[in-house]
């Protein structure tokens, strides 16, 4: 897994945890963390897809 994918996965997990903690404490403004998790999730997905395509092209 590429290093940027690992960083994106870490950001997704931390952003979701921050959103959950904020909402549990009654701080609804913490929901702003959810779009960050969505963007990081897209970065993770695209990096994984790009790595898979490069591996398939390398084998072909």
N, C-alpha and C. Protein backbone atom coordinates (compact mmCIF):
# COMPACT_ATOMS: atom_id res chain seq x y z
N UNK A 1 0.85 -1.18 0.00
CA UNK A 1 0.00 0.00 0.00
C UNK A 1 0.90 1.24 0.00
N UNK A 2 0.63 2.17 -0.90
CA UNK A 2 1.46 3.39 -0.95
C UNK A 2 1.37 4.19 0.36
N UNK A 3 2.41 4.93 0.61
CA UNK A 3 2.49 5.70 1.86
C UNK A 3 1.36 6.72 1.96
N UNK A 4 1.00 7.35 0.84
CA UNK A 4 -0.09 8.33 0.90
C UNK A 4 -1.42 7.67 1.26
N UNK A 5 -1.58 6.42 0.85
CA UNK A 5 -2.80 5.70 1.23
C UNK A 5 -2.85 5.46 2.73
N UNK A 6 -1.71 5.13 3.30
CA UNK A 6 -1.68 4.93 4.75
C UNK A 6 -1.98 6.22 5.50
N UNK A 7 -1.42 7.34 5.01
CA UNK A 7 -1.71 8.63 5.64
C UNK A 7 -3.19 8.99 5.49
N UNK A 8 -3.76 8.72 4.32
CA UNK A 8 -5.17 9.02 4.11
C UNK A 8 -6.04 8.16 5.02
N UNK A 9 -5.68 6.89 5.18
CA UNK A 9 -6.43 6.01 6.08
C UNK A 9 -6.36 6.53 7.52
N UNK A 10 -5.20 6.98 7.93
CA UNK A 10 -5.03 7.54 9.26
C UNK A 10 -5.90 8.79 9.45
N UNK A 11 -5.94 9.65 8.44
CA UNK A 11 -6.76 10.86 8.51
C UNK A 11 -8.25 10.50 8.59
N UNK A 12 -8.67 9.50 7.83
CA UNK A 12 -10.08 9.08 7.87
C UNK A 12 -10.44 8.61 9.28
N UNK A 13 -9.62 7.75 9.84
CA UNK A 13 -9.91 7.21 11.17
C UNK A 13 -9.92 8.31 12.22
N UNK A 14 -8.93 9.19 12.17
CA UNK A 14 -8.86 10.26 13.17
C UNK A 14 -9.99 11.27 13.02
N UNK A 15 -10.37 11.59 11.78
CA UNK A 15 -11.46 12.55 11.56
C UNK A 15 -12.79 11.96 12.04
N UNK A 16 -13.01 10.69 11.77
CA UNK A 16 -14.25 10.07 12.25
C UNK A 16 -14.28 10.00 13.78
N UNK A 17 -13.15 9.69 14.37
CA UNK A 17 -13.08 9.65 15.83
C UNK A 17 -13.34 11.04 16.42
N UNK A 18 -12.77 12.06 15.80
CA UNK A 18 -12.97 13.44 16.29
C UNK A 18 -14.44 13.84 16.15
N UNK A 19 -15.08 13.44 15.06
CA UNK A 19 -16.50 13.78 14.88
C UNK A 19 -17.35 13.08 15.93
N UNK A 20 -17.08 11.82 16.18
CA UNK A 20 -17.86 11.07 17.17
C UNK A 20 -17.66 11.65 18.56
N UNK A 21 -16.44 11.94 18.93
CA UNK A 21 -16.17 12.50 20.25
C UNK A 21 -16.85 13.86 20.40
N UNK A 22 -16.78 14.68 19.38
CA UNK A 22 -17.40 16.01 19.44
C UNK A 22 -18.91 15.92 19.61
N UNK A 23 -19.54 15.04 18.85
CA UNK A 23 -21.00 14.92 18.93
C UNK A 23 -21.41 14.32 20.26
N UNK A 24 -20.67 13.35 20.76
CA UNK A 24 -21.00 12.76 22.06
C UNK A 24 -20.91 13.79 23.17
N UNK A 25 -19.97 14.70 23.05
CA UNK A 25 -19.83 15.75 24.06
C UNK A 25 -20.83 16.89 23.85
N UNK A 26 -21.65 16.80 22.81
CA UNK A 26 -22.67 17.81 22.58
C UNK A 26 -22.21 18.98 21.75
N UNK A 27 -21.08 18.87 21.12
CA UNK A 27 -20.53 19.95 20.31
C UNK A 27 -20.82 19.63 18.85
N UNK A 28 -21.98 20.08 18.35
CA UNK A 28 -22.43 19.71 17.01
C UNK A 28 -21.56 20.29 15.91
N UNK A 29 -20.77 21.29 16.21
CA UNK A 29 -19.88 21.86 15.20
C UNK A 29 -18.79 20.85 14.82
N UNK A 30 -18.63 19.82 15.62
CA UNK A 30 -17.66 18.77 15.32
C UNK A 30 -18.01 17.96 14.09
N UNK A 31 -19.22 18.12 13.59
CA UNK A 31 -19.61 17.42 12.36
C UNK A 31 -18.84 17.93 11.15
N UNK A 32 -18.13 19.02 11.31
CA UNK A 32 -17.29 19.54 10.23
C UNK A 32 -16.19 18.55 9.89
N UNK A 33 -15.85 17.65 10.82
CA UNK A 33 -14.83 16.63 10.56
C UNK A 33 -15.28 15.63 9.51
N UNK A 34 -16.57 15.46 9.31
CA UNK A 34 -17.06 14.46 8.36
C UNK A 34 -16.67 14.74 6.91
N UNK A 35 -16.77 15.98 6.42
CA UNK A 35 -16.28 16.22 5.05
C UNK A 35 -14.79 15.94 4.89
N UNK A 36 -14.01 16.23 5.91
CA UNK A 36 -12.58 15.91 5.85
C UNK A 36 -12.38 14.41 5.72
N UNK A 37 -13.15 13.64 6.46
CA UNK A 37 -13.06 12.19 6.35
C UNK A 37 -13.48 11.73 4.96
N UNK A 38 -14.47 12.37 4.37
CA UNK A 38 -14.90 12.01 3.02
C UNK A 38 -13.83 12.30 1.98
N UNK A 39 -13.19 13.43 2.08
CA UNK A 39 -12.13 13.78 1.13
C UNK A 39 -10.95 12.82 1.28
N UNK A 40 -10.57 12.54 2.51
CA UNK A 40 -9.46 11.62 2.74
C UNK A 40 -9.81 10.22 2.25
N UNK A 41 -11.06 9.84 2.39
CA UNK A 41 -11.50 8.54 1.89
C UNK A 41 -11.38 8.47 0.38
N UNK A 42 -11.71 9.54 -0.30
CA UNK A 42 -11.57 9.57 -1.76
C UNK A 42 -10.11 9.51 -2.17
N UNK A 43 -9.24 10.19 -1.44
CA UNK A 43 -7.81 10.13 -1.72
C UNK A 43 -7.31 8.70 -1.54
N UNK A 44 -7.74 8.06 -0.47
CA UNK A 44 -7.35 6.67 -0.21
C UNK A 44 -7.81 5.76 -1.34
N UNK A 45 -9.05 5.90 -1.75
CA UNK A 45 -9.61 5.06 -2.81
C UNK A 45 -8.87 5.27 -4.13
N UNK A 46 -8.60 6.51 -4.48
CA UNK A 46 -7.91 6.78 -5.74
C UNK A 46 -6.47 6.27 -5.72
N UNK A 47 -5.77 6.41 -4.61
CA UNK A 47 -4.40 5.91 -4.52
C UNK A 47 -4.37 4.39 -4.63
N UNK A 48 -5.31 3.73 -3.97
CA UNK A 48 -5.37 2.26 -4.05
C UNK A 48 -5.67 1.82 -5.48
N UNK A 49 -6.60 2.52 -6.14
CA UNK A 49 -6.96 2.18 -7.52
C UNK A 49 -5.78 2.40 -8.46
N UNK A 50 -5.08 3.51 -8.28
CA UNK A 50 -3.93 3.82 -9.12
C UNK A 50 -2.83 2.77 -8.93
N UNK A 51 -2.60 2.34 -7.70
CA UNK A 51 -1.58 1.32 -7.44
C UNK A 51 -1.98 -0.02 -8.04
N UNK A 52 -3.26 -0.36 -7.99
CA UNK A 52 -3.72 -1.61 -8.56
C UNK A 52 -3.59 -1.61 -10.09
N UNK A 53 -3.92 -0.47 -10.70
CA UNK A 53 -3.79 -0.36 -12.16
C UNK A 53 -2.32 -0.41 -12.59
N UNK A 54 -1.46 0.20 -11.81
CA UNK A 54 -0.02 0.18 -12.15
C UNK A 54 0.53 -1.23 -12.01
N UNK A 55 0.07 -1.95 -11.02
CA UNK A 55 0.52 -3.34 -10.84
C UNK A 55 0.03 -4.23 -11.98
N UNK A 56 -1.21 -4.01 -12.42
CA UNK A 56 -1.75 -4.80 -13.52
C UNK A 56 -1.01 -4.48 -14.82
N UNK A 57 -0.66 -3.21 -15.02
CA UNK A 57 0.07 -2.83 -16.24
C UNK A 57 1.48 -3.39 -16.21
N UNK A 58 2.04 -3.48 -15.02
CA UNK A 58 3.40 -4.02 -14.88
C UNK A 58 3.43 -5.52 -15.20
N UNK A 59 2.38 -6.21 -14.83
CA UNK A 59 2.33 -7.65 -15.08
C UNK A 59 2.00 -7.97 -16.54
N UNK A 60 1.34 -7.06 -17.21
CA UNK A 60 0.92 -7.31 -18.59
C UNK A 60 2.05 -7.09 -19.58
